[in-house]
Amino acid sequence: MAVKLTVIYDNPKDADAFEEHYAGAHAALASKVPDVQKVETAKVFPKEDGSDTPAYRTADLYFVDYATACAALASPEGQALAADVDAVATGGYRMLLSQVGG
């Protein structure tokens, strides 16, 4: 059963600073997490009236199964990524660990 970790980043206090850190350091940390099969990121469109939605960006890290995902996230690289989420997500965030196609 394939599993993915989804991180939903809420609107940051400073979008430019978020984007700079996200592109420069954060994305690289995600790619170093062991046994990640795929990393997929997305930027959320604003509402039709141009106002912000509650979410700003999402990131999905895919793993072959639940045990692999848990081990990868507990690894030093996974812990470094989690610490960086705390640093970059100045507006808050949510994490979901989900079965893909379930």
PDB file of N, CA and C in Angstrom:
ATOM      1  N   MET A   1       0.830  -1.169   0.000  1.00  0.00           N
ATOM      2  CA  MET A   1       0.000   0.000   0.000  1.00  0.00           C
ATOM      3  C   MET A   1       0.881   1.241   0.000  1.00  0.00           C
ATOM      4  N   ALA A   2       0.817   2.028  -1.044  1.00  0.00           N
ATOM      5  CA  ALA A   2       1.592   3.262  -1.141  1.00  0.00           C
ATOM      6  C   ALA A   2       1.066   4.282  -0.137  1.00  0.00           C
ATOM      7  N   VAL A   3       1.986   5.087   0.374  1.00  0.00           N
ATOM      8  CA  VAL A   3       1.666   6.071   1.405  1.00  0.00           C
ATOM      9  C   VAL A   3       2.278   7.396   1.005  1.00  0.00           C
ATOM     10  N   LYS A   4       1.603   8.491   1.374  1.00  0.00           N
ATOM     11  CA  LYS A   4       2.202   9.797   1.148  1.00  0.00           C
ATOM     12  C   LYS A   4       2.062  10.661   2.386  1.00  0.00           C
ATOM     13  N   LEU A   5       3.086  11.459   2.604  1.00  0.00           N
ATOM     14  CA  LEU A   5       3.052  12.500   3.609  1.00  0.00           C
ATOM     15  C   LEU A   5       2.682  13.780   2.885  1.00  0.00           C
ATOM     16  N   THR A   6       1.612  14.420   3.316  1.00  0.00           N
ATOM     17  CA  THR A   6       1.205  15.704   2.761  1.00  0.00           C
ATOM     18  C   THR A   6       1.441  16.772   3.813  1.00  0.00           C
ATOM     19  N   VAL A   7       2.128  17.831   3.414  1.00  0.00           N
ATOM     20  CA  VAL A   7       2.301  18.993   4.273  1.00  0.00           C
ATOM     21  C   VAL A   7       1.507  20.127   3.634  1.00  0.00           C
ATOM     22  N   ILE A   8       0.603  20.709   4.397  1.00  0.00           N
ATOM     23  CA  ILE A   8      -0.180  21.855   3.936  1.00  0.00           C
ATOM     24  C   ILE A   8       0.340  23.072   4.683  1.00  0.00           C
ATOM     25  N   TYR A   9       0.956  23.965   3.944  1.00  0.00           N
ATOM     26  CA  TYR A   9       1.518  25.186   4.525  1.00  0.00           C
ATOM     27  C   TYR A   9       0.465  26.283   4.461  1.00  0.00           C
ATOM     28  N   ASP A  10       0.155  26.866   5.603  1.00  0.00           N
ATOM     29  CA  ASP A  10      -0.768  27.995   5.635  1.00  0.00           C
ATOM     30  C   ASP A  10      -0.033  29.254   5.154  1.00  0.00           C
ATOM     31  N   ASN A  11      -0.776  30.327   4.936  1.00  0.00           N
ATOM     32  CA  ASN A  11      -0.185  31.559   4.418  1.00  0.00           C
ATOM     33  C   ASN A  11       0.924  32.063   5.342  1.00  0.00           C
ATOM     34  N   PRO A  12       2.133  32.214   4.800  1.00  0.00           N
ATOM     35  CA  PRO A  12       3.259  32.663   5.635  1.00  0.00           C
ATOM     36  C   PRO A  12       3.143  34.145   5.973  1.00  0.00           C
ATOM     37  N   LYS A  13       3.843  34.538   7.013  1.00  0.00           N
ATOM     38  CA  LYS A  13       3.863  35.953   7.403  1.00  0.00           C
ATOM     39  C   LYS A  13       4.550  36.796   6.342  1.00  0.00           C
ATOM     40  N   ASP A  14       5.567  36.240   5.687  1.00  0.00           N
ATOM     41  CA  ASP A  14       6.312  36.932   4.628  1.00  0.00           C
ATOM     42  C   ASP A  14       6.467  35.960   3.455  1.00  0.00           C
ATOM     43  N   ALA A  15       5.631  36.114   2.432  1.00  0.00           N
ATOM     44  CA  ALA A  15       5.619  35.170   1.302  1.00  0.00           C
ATOM     45  C   ALA A  15       6.948  35.154   0.554  1.00  0.00           C
ATOM     46  N   ASP A  16       7.583  36.309   0.381  1.00  0.00           N
ATOM     47  CA  ASP A  16       8.861  36.348  -0.335  1.00  0.00           C
ATOM     48  C   ASP A  16       9.942  35.575   0.416  1.00  0.00           C
ATOM     49  N   ALA A  17      10.017  35.763   1.732  1.00  0.00           N
ATOM     50  CA  ALA A  17      10.997  35.037   2.542  1.00  0.00           C
ATOM     51  C   ALA A  17      10.708  33.542   2.517  1.00  0.00           C
ATOM     52  N   PHE A  18       9.418  33.174   2.576  1.00  0.00           N
ATOM     53  CA  PHE A  18       9.040  31.764   2.504  1.00  0.00           C
ATOM     54  C   PHE A  18       9.535  31.159   1.198  1.00  0.00           C
ATOM     55  N   GLU A  19       9.212  31.810   0.081  1.00  0.00           N
ATOM     56  CA  GLU A  19       9.586  31.280  -1.228  1.00  0.00           C
ATOM     57  C   GLU A  19      11.097  31.151  -1.386  1.00  0.00           C
ATOM     58  N   GLU A  20      11.826  32.111  -0.890  1.00  0.00           N
ATOM     59  CA  GLU A  20      13.294  32.061  -0.994  1.00  0.00           C
ATOM     60  C   GLU A  20      13.841  30.866  -0.224  1.00  0.00           C
ATOM     61  N   HIS A  21      13.374  30.688   1.001  1.00  0.00           N
ATOM     62  CA  HIS A  21      13.849  29.570   1.813  1.00  0.00           C
ATOM     63  C   HIS A  21      13.349  28.238   1.245  1.00  0.00           C
ATOM     64  N   TYR A  22      12.103  28.208   0.816  1.00  0.00           N
ATOM     65  CA  TYR A  22      11.502  26.981   0.296  1.00  0.00           C
ATOM     66  C   TYR A  22      12.276  26.479  -0.920  1.00  0.00           C
ATOM     67  N   ALA A  23      12.556  27.379  -1.852  1.00  0.00           N
ATOM     68  CA  ALA A  23      13.268  26.989  -3.073  1.00  0.00           C
ATOM     69  C   ALA A  23      14.739  26.708  -2.801  1.00  0.00           C
ATOM     70  N   GLY A  24      15.335  27.473  -1.896  1.00  0.00           N
ATOM     71  CA  GLY A  24      16.772  27.370  -1.684  1.00  0.00           C
ATOM     72  C   GLY A  24      17.220  26.263  -0.761  1.00  0.00           C
ATOM     73  N   ALA A  25      16.420  25.935   0.247  1.00  0.00           N
ATOM     74  CA  ALA A  25      16.869  24.959   1.235  1.00  0.00           C
ATOM     75  C   ALA A  25      15.844  23.861   1.504  1.00  0.00           C
ATOM     76  N   HIS A  26      14.608  24.244   1.652  1.00  0.00           N
ATOM     77  CA  HIS A  26      13.587  23.303   2.101  1.00  0.00           C
ATOM     78  C   HIS A  26      13.359  22.162   1.107  1.00  0.00           C
ATOM     79  N   ALA A  27      13.236  22.488  -0.155  1.00  0.00           N
ATOM     80  CA  ALA A  27      12.994  21.453  -1.170  1.00  0.00           C
ATOM     81  C   ALA A  27      14.146  20.459  -1.235  1.00  0.00           C
ATOM     82  N   ALA A  28      15.369  20.942  -1.046  1.00  0.00           N
ATOM     83  CA  ALA A  28      16.537  20.056  -1.065  1.00  0.00           C
ATOM     84  C   ALA A  28      16.488  19.068   0.099  1.00  0.00           C
ATOM     85  N   LEU A  29      16.022  19.525   1.259  1.00  0.00           N
ATOM     86  CA  LEU A  29      15.909  18.628   2.414  1.00  0.00           C
ATOM     87  C   LEU A  29      14.906  17.512   2.140  1.00  0.00           C
ATOM     88  N   ALA A  30      13.814  17.830   1.484  1.00  0.00           N
ATOM     89  CA  ALA A  30      12.796  16.818   1.181  1.00  0.00           C
ATOM     90  C   ALA A  30      13.356  15.719   0.292  1.00  0.00           C
ATOM     91  N   SER A  31      14.194  16.100  -0.650  1.00  0.00           N
ATOM     92  CA  SER A  31      14.744  15.104  -1.576  1.00  0.00           C
ATOM     93  C   SER A  31      15.788  14.207  -0.910  1.00  0.00           C
ATOM     94  N   LYS A  32      16.268  14.576   0.275  1.00  0.00           N
ATOM     95  CA  LYS A  32      17.268  13.776   0.982  1.00  0.00           C
ATOM     96  C   LYS A  32      16.654  12.764   1.946  1.00  0.00           C
ATOM     97  N   VAL A  33      15.355  12.821   2.149  1.00  0.00           N
ATOM     98  CA  VAL A  33      14.704  11.868   3.049  1.00  0.00           C
ATOM     99  C   VAL A  33      14.833  10.479   2.429  1.00  0.00           C
ATOM    100  N   PRO A  34      15.297   9.501   3.187  1.00  0.00           N
ATOM    101  CA  PRO A  34      15.519   8.168   2.603  1.00  0.00           C
ATOM    102  C   PRO A  34      14.221   7.523   2.105  1.00  0.00           C
ATOM    103  N   ASP A  35      14.363   6.784   1.036  1.00  0.00           N
ATOM    104  CA  ASP A  35      13.288   5.963   0.468  1.00  0.00           C
ATOM    105  C   ASP A  35      12.095   6.744  -0.064  1.00  0.00           C
ATOM    106  N   VAL A  36      12.265   8.041  -0.318  1.00  0.00           N
ATOM    107  CA  VAL A  36      11.205   8.819  -0.952  1.00  0.00           C
ATOM    108  C   VAL A  36      11.151   8.411  -2.425  1.00  0.00           C
ATOM    109  N   GLN A  37       9.992   8.018  -2.888  1.00  0.00           N
ATOM    110  CA  GLN A  37       9.841   7.632  -4.283  1.00  0.00           C
ATOM    111  C   GLN A  37       9.614   8.837  -5.184  1.00  0.00           C
ATOM    112  N   LYS A  38       8.917   9.846  -4.644  1.00  0.00           N
ATOM    113  CA  LYS A  38       8.588  11.030  -5.439  1.00  0.00           C
ATOM    114  C   LYS A  38       8.275  12.166  -4.486  1.00  0.00           C
ATOM    115  N   VAL A  39       8.689  13.382  -4.877  1.00  0.00           N
ATOM    116  CA  VAL A  39       8.324  14.599  -4.149  1.00  0.00           C
ATOM    117  C   VAL A  39       7.539  15.470  -5.119  1.00  0.00           C
ATOM    118  N   GLU A  40       6.378  15.902  -4.678  1.00  0.00           N
ATOM    119  CA  GLU A  40       5.508  16.723  -5.515  1.00  0.00           C
ATOM    120  C   GLU A  40       5.112  17.959  -4.708  1.00  0.00           C
ATOM    121  N   THR A  41       5.353  19.137  -5.279  1.00  0.00           N
ATOM    122  CA  THR A  41       4.992  20.372  -4.585  1.00  0.00           C
ATOM    123  C   THR A  41       4.018  21.174  -5.440  1.00  0.00           C
ATOM    124  N   ALA A  42       3.244  22.023  -4.767  1.00  0.00           N
ATOM    125  CA  ALA A  42       2.268  22.837  -5.487  1.00  0.00           C
ATOM    126  C   ALA A  42       2.031  24.132  -4.724  1.00  0.00           C
ATOM    127  N   LYS A  43       1.720  25.179  -5.478  1.00  0.00           N
ATOM    128  CA  LYS A  43       1.340  26.463  -4.895  1.00  0.00           C
ATOM    129  C   LYS A  43      -0.155  26.635  -5.129  1.00  0.00           C
ATOM    130  N   VAL A  44      -0.883  26.976  -4.077  1.00  0.00           N
ATOM    131  CA  VAL A  44      -2.341  27.083  -4.118  1.00  0.00           C
ATOM    132  C   VAL A  44      -2.751  28.399  -4.786  1.00  0.00           C
ATOM    133  N   PHE A  45      -3.707  28.309  -5.694  1.00  0.00           N
ATOM    134  CA  PHE A  45      -4.247  29.518  -6.326  1.00  0.00           C
ATOM    135  C   PHE A  45      -5.028  30.333  -5.300  1.00  0.00           C
ATOM    136  N   PRO A  46      -5.027  31.658  -5.437  1.00  0.00           N
ATOM    137  CA  PRO A  46      -5.906  32.464  -4.581  1.00  0.00           C
ATOM    138  C   PRO A  46      -7.363  32.223  -4.974  1.00  0.00           C
ATOM    139  N   LYS A  47      -8.272  32.720  -4.144  1.00  0.00           N
ATOM    140  CA  LYS A  47      -9.692  32.639  -4.460  1.00  0.00           C
ATOM    141  C   LYS A  47      -9.984  33.463  -5.713  1.00  0.00           C
ATOM    142  N   GLU A  48     -11.144  33.271  -6.302  1.00  0.00           N
ATOM    143  CA  GLU A  48     -11.506  33.983  -7.534  1.00  0.00           C
ATOM    144  C   GLU A  48     -11.472  35.493  -7.372  1.00  0.00           C
ATOM    145  N   ASP A  49     -11.734  35.978  -6.147  1.00  0.00           N
ATOM    146  CA  ASP A  49     -11.696  37.426  -5.920  1.00  0.00           C
ATOM    147  C   ASP A  49     -10.280  37.935  -5.619  1.00  0.00           C
ATOM    148  N   GLY A  50      -9.296  37.040  -5.675  1.00  0.00           N
ATOM    149  CA  GLY A  50      -7.900  37.414  -5.449  1.00  0.00           C
ATOM    150  C   GLY A  50      -7.444  37.299  -4.013  1.00  0.00           C
ATOM    151  N   SER A  51      -8.351  37.026  -3.094  1.00  0.00           N
ATOM    152  CA  SER A  51      -7.961  36.898  -1.694  1.00  0.00           C
ATOM    153  C   SER A  51      -7.323  35.535  -1.435  1.00  0.00           C
ATOM    154  N   ASP A  52      -6.586  35.464  -0.349  1.00  0.00           N
ATOM    155  CA  ASP A  52      -5.877  34.230  -0.006  1.00  0.00           C
ATOM    156  C   ASP A  52      -6.837  33.127   0.414  1.00  0.00           C
ATOM    157  N   THR A  53      -6.460  31.904   0.113  1.00  0.00           N
ATOM    158  CA  THR A  53      -7.132  30.741   0.680  1.00  0.00           C
ATOM    159  C   THR A  53      -6.409  30.415   1.990  1.00  0.00           C
ATOM    160  N   PRO A  54      -6.965  29.554   2.837  1.00  0.00           N
ATOM    161  CA  PRO A  54      -6.259  29.224   4.080  1.00  0.00           C
ATOM    162  C   PRO A  54      -4.910  28.529   3.831  1.00  0.00           C
ATOM    163  N   ALA A  55      -4.794  27.805   2.728  1.00  0.00           N
ATOM    164  CA  ALA A  55      -3.548  27.103   2.408  1.00  0.00           C
ATOM    165  C   ALA A  55      -2.753  27.901   1.378  1.00  0.00           C
ATOM    166  N   TYR A  56      -1.431  27.835   1.498  1.00  0.00           N
ATOM    167  CA  TYR A  56      -0.540  28.569   0.604  1.00  0.00           C
ATOM    168  C   TYR A  56       0.209  27.633  -0.349  1.00  0.00           C
ATOM    169  N   ARG A  57       0.748  26.547   0.188  1.00  0.00           N
ATOM    170  CA  ARG A  57       1.480  25.554  -0.591  1.00  0.00           C
ATOM    171  C   ARG A  57       1.185  24.177  -0.028  1.00  0.00           C
ATOM    172  N   THR A  58       1.426  23.159  -0.857  1.00  0.00           N
ATOM    173  CA  THR A  58       1.381  21.775  -0.396  1.00  0.00           C
ATOM    174  C   THR A  58       2.623  21.051  -0.880  1.00  0.00           C
ATOM    175  N   ALA A  59       2.976  20.021  -0.150  1.00  0.00           N
ATOM    176  CA  ALA A  59       4.072  19.146  -0.564  1.00  0.00           C
ATOM    177  C   ALA A  59       3.661  17.718  -0.250  1.00  0.00           C
ATOM    178  N   ASP A  60       3.913  16.817  -1.180  1.00  0.00           N
ATOM    179  CA  ASP A  60       3.617  15.404  -0.995  1.00  0.00           C
ATOM    180  C   ASP A  60       4.888  14.603  -1.186  1.00  0.00           C
ATOM    181  N   LEU A  61       5.210  13.763  -0.207  1.00  0.00           N
ATOM    182  CA  LEU A  61       6.336  12.845  -0.286  1.00  0.00           C
ATOM    183  C   LEU A  61       5.762  11.436  -0.310  1.00  0.00           C
ATOM    184  N   TYR A  62       6.088  10.674  -1.326  1.00  0.00           N
ATOM    185  CA  TYR A  62       5.521   9.342  -1.533  1.00  0.00           C
ATOM    186  C   TYR A  62       6.500   8.259  -1.102  1.00  0.00           C
ATOM    187  N   PHE A  63       5.941   7.221  -0.462  1.00  0.00           N
ATOM    188  CA  PHE A  63       6.717   6.087   0.021  1.00  0.00           C
ATOM    189  C   PHE A  63       6.022   4.792  -0.382  1.00  0.00           C
ATOM    190  N   VAL A  64       6.757   3.711  -0.389  1.00  0.00           N
ATOM    191  CA  VAL A  64       6.207   2.429  -0.822  1.00  0.00           C
ATOM    192  C   VAL A  64       5.159   1.896   0.163  1.00  0.00           C
ATOM    193  N   ASP A  65       5.336   2.157   1.472  1.00  0.00           N
ATOM    194  CA  ASP A  65       4.369   1.685   2.458  1.00  0.00           C
ATOM    195  C   ASP A  65       4.505   2.472   3.758  1.00  0.00           C
ATOM    196  N   TYR A  66       3.616   2.187   4.686  1.00  0.00           N
ATOM    197  CA  TYR A  66       3.549   2.914   5.955  1.00  0.00           C
ATOM    198  C   TYR A  66       4.830   2.761   6.781  1.00  0.00           C
ATOM    199  N   ALA A  67       5.319   1.532   6.909  1.00  0.00           N
ATOM    200  CA  ALA A  67       6.527   1.294   7.709  1.00  0.00           C
ATOM    201  C   ALA A  67       7.725   2.049   7.136  1.00  0.00           C
ATOM    202  N   THR A  68       7.850   2.059   5.828  1.00  0.00           N
ATOM    203  CA  THR A  68       8.949   2.782   5.179  1.00  0.00           C
ATOM    204  C   THR A  68       8.824   4.276   5.421  1.00  0.00           C
ATOM    205  N   ALA A  69       7.607   4.801   5.326  1.00  0.00           N
ATOM    206  CA  ALA A  69       7.381   6.227   5.570  1.00  0.00           C
ATOM    207  C   ALA A  69       7.752   6.589   7.001  1.00  0.00           C
ATOM    208  N   CYS A  70       7.304   5.790   7.958  1.00  0.00           N
ATOM    209  CA  CYS A  70       7.606   6.080   9.362  1.00  0.00           C
ATOM    210  C   CYS A  70       9.103   6.034   9.639  1.00  0.00           C
ATOM    211  N   ALA A  71       9.788   5.038   9.091  1.00  0.00           N
ATOM    212  CA  ALA A  71      11.240   4.938   9.286  1.00  0.00           C
ATOM    213  C   ALA A  71      11.957   6.117   8.641  1.00  0.00           C
ATOM    214  N   ALA A  72      11.513   6.505   7.452  1.00  0.00           N
ATOM    215  CA  ALA A  72      12.150   7.622   6.748  1.00  0.00           C
ATOM    216  C   ALA A  72      11.956   8.925   7.510  1.00  0.00           C
ATOM    217  N   LEU A  73      10.769   9.142   8.038  1.00  0.00           N
ATOM    218  CA  LEU A  73      10.490  10.381   8.760  1.00  0.00           C
ATOM    219  C   LEU A  73      11.190  10.425  10.110  1.00  0.00           C
ATOM    220  N   ALA A  74      11.505   9.250  10.676  1.00  0.00           N
ATOM    221  CA  ALA A  74      12.244   9.182  11.936  1.00  0.00           C
ATOM    222  C   ALA A  74      13.756   9.282  11.739  1.00  0.00           C
ATOM    223  N   SER A  75      14.212   9.168  10.502  1.00  0.00           N
ATOM    224  CA  SER A  75      15.644   9.232  10.203  1.00  0.00           C
ATOM    225  C   SER A  75      16.180  10.644  10.471  1.00  0.00           C
ATOM    226  N   PRO A  76      17.494  10.799  10.565  1.00  0.00           N
ATOM    227  CA  PRO A  76      18.059  12.136  10.738  1.00  0.00           C
ATOM    228  C   PRO A  76      17.629  13.108   9.632  1.00  0.00           C
ATOM    229  N   GLU A  77      17.541  12.613   8.398  1.00  0.00           N
ATOM    230  CA  GLU A  77      17.124  13.469   7.284  1.00  0.00           C
ATOM    231  C   GLU A  77      15.651  13.864   7.412  1.00  0.00           C
ATOM    232  N   GLY A  78      14.822  12.919   7.838  1.00  0.00           N
ATOM    233  CA  GLY A  78      13.407  13.209   8.051  1.00  0.00           C
ATOM    234  C   GLY A  78      13.214  14.196   9.187  1.00  0.00           C
ATOM    235  N   GLN A  79      13.993  14.048  10.232  1.00  0.00           N
ATOM    236  CA  GLN A  79      13.901  14.969  11.360  1.00  0.00           C
ATOM    237  C   GLN A  79      14.404  16.364  10.977  1.00  0.00           C
ATOM    238  N   ALA A  80      15.427  16.433  10.128  1.00  0.00           N
ATOM    239  CA  ALA A  80      15.913  17.731   9.642  1.00  0.00           C
ATOM    240  C   ALA A  80      14.834  18.426   8.816  1.00  0.00           C
ATOM    241  N   LEU A  81      14.135  17.666   7.992  1.00  0.00           N
ATOM    242  CA  LEU A  81      13.039  18.235   7.206  1.00  0.00           C
ATOM    243  C   LEU A  81      11.927  18.736   8.131  1.00  0.00           C
ATOM    244  N   ALA A  82      11.555  17.943   9.130  1.00  0.00           N
ATOM    245  CA  ALA A  82      10.500  18.346  10.059  1.00  0.00           C
ATOM    246  C   ALA A  82      10.882  19.623  10.802  1.00  0.00           C
ATOM    247  N   ALA A  83      12.130  19.731  11.223  1.00  0.00           N
ATOM    248  CA  ALA A  83      12.587  20.944  11.906  1.00  0.00           C
ATOM    249  C   ALA A  83      12.521  22.146  10.980  1.00  0.00           C
ATOM    250  N   ASP A  84      12.835  21.917   9.708  1.00  0.00           N
ATOM    251  CA  ASP A  84      12.798  23.021   8.752  1.00  0.00           C
ATOM    252  C   ASP A  84      11.359  23.435   8.440  1.00  0.00           C
ATOM    253  N   VAL A  85      10.424  22.483   8.473  1.00  0.00           N
ATOM    254  CA  VAL A  85       9.011  22.838   8.312  1.00  0.00           C
ATOM    255  C   VAL A  85       8.625  23.822   9.411  1.00  0.00           C
ATOM    256  N   ASP A  86       9.034  23.530  10.634  1.00  0.00           N
ATOM    257  CA  ASP A  86       8.744  24.445  11.747  1.00  0.00           C
ATOM    258  C   ASP A  86       9.327  25.830  11.500  1.00  0.00           C
ATOM    259  N   ALA A  87      10.508  25.884  10.900  1.00  0.00           N
ATOM    260  CA  ALA A  87      11.175  27.170  10.663  1.00  0.00           C
ATOM    261  C   ALA A  87      10.532  27.953   9.520  1.00  0.00           C
ATOM    262  N   VAL A  88      10.185  27.291   8.433  1.00  0.00           N
ATOM    263  CA  VAL A  88       9.701  27.980   7.236  1.00  0.00           C
ATOM    264  C   VAL A  88       8.204  28.295   7.307  1.00  0.00           C
ATOM    265  N   ALA A  89       7.444  27.491   8.025  1.00  0.00           N
ATOM    266  CA  ALA A  89       5.986  27.633   8.034  1.00  0.00           C
ATOM    267  C   ALA A  89       5.542  28.639   9.098  1.00  0.00           C
ATOM    268  N   THR A  90       5.834  29.897   8.864  1.00  0.00           N
ATOM    269  CA  THR A  90       5.551  30.950   9.837  1.00  0.00           C
ATOM    270  C   THR A  90       4.055  31.205  10.015  1.00  0.00           C
ATOM    271  N   GLY A  91       3.222  30.736   9.087  1.00  0.00           N
ATOM    272  CA  GLY A  91       1.776  30.900   9.201  1.00  0.00           C
ATOM    273  C   GLY A  91       1.083  29.667   9.744  1.00  0.00           C
ATOM    274  N   GLY A  92       1.851  28.620   9.994  1.00  0.00           N
ATOM    275  CA  GLY A  92       1.306  27.361  10.472  1.00  0.00           C
ATOM    276  C   GLY A  92       1.287  26.307   9.368  1.00  0.00           C
ATOM    277  N   TYR A  93       1.026  25.079   9.741  1.00  0.00           N
ATOM    278  CA  TYR A  93       0.983  23.977   8.775  1.00  0.00           C
ATOM    279  C   TYR A  93       0.225  22.805   9.377  1.00  0.00           C
ATOM    280  N   ARG A  94      -0.127  21.861   8.510  1.00  0.00           N
ATOM    281  CA  ARG A  94      -0.733  20.605   8.895  1.00  0.00           C
ATOM    282  C   ARG A  94      -0.023  19.492   8.147  1.00  0.00           C
ATOM    283  N   MET A  95       0.116  18.335   8.762  1.00  0.00           N
ATOM    284  CA  MET A  95       0.705  17.158   8.112  1.00  0.00           C
ATOM    285  C   MET A  95      -0.297  16.019   8.141  1.00  0.00           C
ATOM    286  N   LEU A  96      -0.360  15.303   7.036  1.00  0.00           N
ATOM    287  CA  LEU A  96      -1.237  14.135   6.922  1.00  0.00           C
ATOM    288  C   LEU A  96      -0.422  12.966   6.383  1.00  0.00           C
ATOM    289  N   LEU A  97      -0.552  11.805   6.958  1.00  0.00           N
ATOM    290  CA  LEU A  97       0.063  10.600   6.420  1.00  0.00           C
ATOM    291  C   LEU A  97      -1.095   9.747   5.921  1.00  0.00           C
ATOM    292  N   SER A  98      -1.128   9.493   4.610  1.00  0.00           N
ATOM    293  CA  SER A  98      -2.311   8.901   3.984  1.00  0.00           C
ATOM    294  C   SER A  98      -1.962   7.717   3.103  1.00  0.00           C
ATOM    295  N   GLN A  99      -2.914   6.799   3.001  1.00  0.00           N
ATOM    296  CA  GLN A  99      -2.822   5.703   2.049  1.00  0.00           C
ATOM    297  C   GLN A  99      -3.209   6.245   0.682  1.00  0.00           C
ATOM    298  N   VAL A 100      -2.384   6.007  -0.301  1.00  0.00           N
ATOM    299  CA  VAL A 100      -2.662   6.473  -1.655  1.00  0.00           C
ATOM    300  C   VAL A 100      -3.645   5.516  -2.311  1.00  0.00           C
ATOM    301  N   GLY A 101      -4.704   6.052  -2.896  1.00  0.00           N
ATOM    302  CA  GLY A 101      -5.680   5.241  -3.590  1.00  0.00           C
ATOM    303  C   GLY A 101      -6.573   4.437  -2.658  1.00  0.00           C
ATOM    304  N   GLY A 102      -6.577   4.789  -1.390  1.00  0.00           N
ATOM    305  CA  GLY A 102      -7.365   4.024  -0.422  1.00  0.00           C
ATOM    306  C   GLY A 102      -8.694   4.559  -0.307  1.00  0.00           C
TER     307      GLY A 102
END
